[in-house]
Amino acid sequence: MEETTSTESLFEEFENNTSRRRKLLPWWIQLFCWLFMLFGVLALVCLILGFTNIKPDLAFYGFETNEPFSLIGLMVISIGFLKGITAFALWFEKDFAIKIGKVDAIIGIVLCIASMLILPFVQDGSIITIRLELALLIPYLIKLNKVQNEWESIS
């Protein structure tokens, strides 16, 4: 009887911690978690399709290709994996979620800036474009910074 009570209290403690961490994330980050978990799966599918004659169109942060095993293709697939892992970690409230989320945001910001300022000069006929992803990546990074201490205190 005593063992059942202690097991129940462990489950209650786990449920309380789980629900508290997820509530630290605003609704739009929770929404993107589901979207990017799907992107992570699709990145794996695109990598597998690279072994066939099917050439999926890959694009992220202004980098585009239809060759999964090219430098840009592998970069886009890697970004998809990173976003999928980050989304999974945030949704399932892993201890490392905020740290990997911040790395994800910084990489995204750097790649957006690179695609805006460097890509137009490397590719013929490209024009400088403003990446709208920055309008979400910067607030995402700021929000992760704000919740980091509380996230890590709930363990």
Protein backbone atom coordinates (compact mmCIF):
# COMPACT_ATOMS: atom_id res chain seq x y z
CA MET A 1 0.00 0.00 0.00
CA GLU A 2 2.81 2.40 0.88
CA GLU A 3 4.56 1.72 -2.44
CA THR A 4 1.43 2.69 -4.40
CA THR A 5 1.17 6.00 -2.56
CA SER A 6 4.80 6.92 -3.24
CA THR A 7 4.41 5.97 -6.92
CA GLU A 8 1.29 8.13 -7.20
CA SER A 9 3.09 11.07 -5.64
CA LEU A 10 5.93 10.67 -8.15
CA PHE A 11 3.45 10.80 -11.02
CA GLU A 12 1.73 13.85 -9.56
CA GLU A 13 5.08 15.61 -9.18
CA PHE A 14 5.97 14.79 -12.81
CA GLU A 15 2.62 16.06 -14.08
CA ASN A 16 2.95 19.31 -12.12
CA ASN A 17 6.44 19.98 -13.47
CA THR A 18 5.43 19.11 -17.01
CA SER A 19 2.44 21.38 -17.14
CA ARG A 20 4.33 24.25 -15.52
CA ARG A 21 7.17 24.29 -18.04
CA ARG A 22 4.92 24.22 -21.09
CA LYS A 23 2.86 27.08 -19.68
CA LEU A 24 5.99 29.25 -19.78
CA LEU A 25 5.83 29.16 -23.59
CA PRO A 26 3.41 31.50 -25.39
CA TRP A 27 0.79 30.03 -27.69
CA TRP A 28 2.70 30.92 -30.86
CA ILE A 29 5.81 29.00 -29.76
CA GLN A 30 3.61 26.02 -28.87
CA LEU A 31 2.03 26.20 -32.33
CA PHE A 32 5.42 26.32 -34.02
CA CYS A 33 6.56 23.34 -31.93
CA TRP A 34 4.01 21.15 -33.71
CA LEU A 35 4.86 22.62 -37.10
CA PHE A 36 8.60 22.11 -36.65
CA MET A 37 8.21 18.58 -35.29
CA LEU A 38 6.50 17.86 -38.63
CA PHE A 39 9.38 19.63 -40.45
CA GLY A 40 11.85 17.39 -38.63
CA VAL A 41 10.07 14.29 -39.92
CA LEU A 42 9.87 15.75 -43.42
CA ALA A 43 13.61 16.51 -43.32
CA LEU A 44 14.23 12.82 -42.73
CA VAL A 45 11.91 11.95 -45.61
CA CYS A 46 13.78 14.37 -47.91
CA LEU A 47 17.08 12.80 -46.92
CA ILE A 48 15.73 9.34 -47.76
CA LEU A 49 14.33 10.66 -51.07
CA GLY A 50 17.84 11.79 -51.93
CA PHE A 51 18.74 8.14 -52.51
CA THR A 52 16.02 7.87 -55.17
CA ASN A 53 15.41 9.73 -58.40
CA ILE A 54 12.85 11.90 -56.62
CA LYS A 55 14.29 15.36 -56.01
CA PRO A 56 12.31 17.29 -53.39
CA ASP A 57 12.34 21.08 -53.42
CA LEU A 58 14.16 22.22 -50.29
CA ALA A 59 14.05 25.77 -49.01
CA PHE A 60 14.66 27.49 -45.68
CA TYR A 61 15.78 31.02 -44.77
CA GLY A 62 16.26 31.90 -48.44
CA PHE A 63 18.47 28.93 -49.31
CA GLU A 64 16.89 26.78 -52.03
CA THR A 65 17.80 23.61 -53.91
CA ASN A 66 16.32 20.40 -55.23
CA GLU A 67 19.45 18.32 -54.59
CA PRO A 68 19.35 16.82 -51.06
CA PHE A 69 23.04 15.85 -51.14
CA SER A 70 24.38 19.25 -52.21
CA LEU A 71 25.92 21.61 -49.68
CA ILE A 72 22.77 23.75 -49.50
CA GLY A 73 20.54 20.66 -49.49
CA LEU A 74 22.35 19.13 -46.53
CA MET A 75 22.26 22.51 -44.76
CA VAL A 76 18.48 22.84 -45.27
CA ILE A 77 17.91 19.26 -44.11
CA SER A 78 20.14 19.87 -41.07
CA ILE A 79 18.14 22.98 -40.22
CA GLY A 80 14.97 20.91 -40.46
CA PHE A 81 16.41 18.30 -38.10
CA LEU A 82 17.58 20.97 -35.65
CA LYS A 83 14.18 22.63 -35.67
CA GLY A 84 12.48 19.25 -35.17
CA ILE A 85 14.72 18.35 -32.23
CA THR A 86 14.25 21.79 -30.71
CA ALA A 87 10.48 21.62 -31.07
CA PHE A 88 10.40 18.13 -29.56
CA ALA A 89 12.54 19.25 -26.62
CA LEU A 90 10.40 22.31 -25.95
CA TRP A 91 7.09 20.47 -26.27
CA PHE A 92 8.17 17.58 -24.06
CA GLU A 93 9.90 19.97 -21.64
CA LYS A 94 13.40 18.53 -21.73
CA ASP A 95 16.02 20.12 -19.49
CA PHE A 96 18.17 21.15 -22.48
CA ALA A 97 15.26 22.63 -24.46
CA ILE A 98 15.94 26.30 -23.80
CA LYS A 99 19.65 25.98 -24.57
CA ILE A 100 19.07 24.18 -27.88
CA GLY A 101 16.25 26.63 -28.65
CA LYS A 102 18.62 29.56 -28.22
CA VAL A 103 21.20 27.87 -30.47
CA ASP A 104 18.46 27.25 -33.03
CA ALA A 105 17.36 30.90 -32.90
CA ILE A 106 20.90 32.25 -33.24
CA ILE A 107 21.68 29.95 -36.17
CA GLY A 108 18.41 31.02 -37.80
CA ILE A 109 19.19 34.72 -37.34
CA VAL A 110 22.72 34.29 -38.75
CA LEU A 111 21.45 32.32 -41.75
CA CYS A 112 18.69 34.86 -42.45
CA ILE A 113 21.20 37.70 -42.38
CA ALA A 114 23.57 35.71 -44.60
CA SER A 115 20.81 35.01 -47.12
CA MET A 116 19.90 38.70 -47.15
CA LEU A 117 23.39 40.18 -47.40
CA ILE A 118 25.63 37.51 -48.97
CA LEU A 119 23.42 35.31 -51.18
CA PRO A 120 22.35 38.13 -53.57
CA PHE A 121 26.00 38.79 -54.45
CA VAL A 122 26.87 35.12 -54.93
CA GLN A 123 23.90 34.18 -57.08
CA ASP A 124 23.34 35.84 -60.44
CA GLY A 125 20.13 37.77 -60.75
CA SER A 126 19.29 37.67 -57.05
CA ILE A 127 18.05 40.77 -55.32
CA ILE A 128 18.36 41.76 -51.69
CA THR A 129 15.26 40.70 -49.78
CA ILE A 130 14.23 41.19 -46.19
CA ARG A 131 13.66 37.85 -44.47
CA LEU A 132 10.39 37.92 -42.54
CA GLU A 133 11.59 34.97 -40.44
CA LEU A 134 13.58 37.51 -38.43
CA ALA A 135 10.27 38.97 -37.20
CA LEU A 136 9.70 35.69 -35.33
CA LEU A 137 13.25 34.54 -34.61
CA ILE A 138 14.19 37.64 -32.61
CA PRO A 139 11.10 37.57 -30.33
CA TYR A 140 11.61 33.79 -29.99
CA LEU A 141 15.16 34.30 -28.75
CA ILE A 142 14.05 37.08 -26.39
CA LYS A 143 11.26 34.91 -24.96
CA LEU A 144 13.62 31.96 -24.43
CA ASN A 145 16.02 34.26 -22.58
CA LYS A 146 13.18 35.46 -20.34
CA VAL A 147 11.94 31.99 -19.39
CA GLN A 148 15.33 30.26 -19.10
CA ASN A 149 15.82 30.74 -15.36
CA GLU A 150 12.33 29.61 -14.45
CA TRP A 151 12.51 26.67 -16.92
CA GLU A 152 15.76 25.45 -15.38
CA SER A 153 14.48 25.89 -11.82
CA ILE A 154 11.61 23.48 -12.56
CA SER A 155 13.47 20.18 -12.76
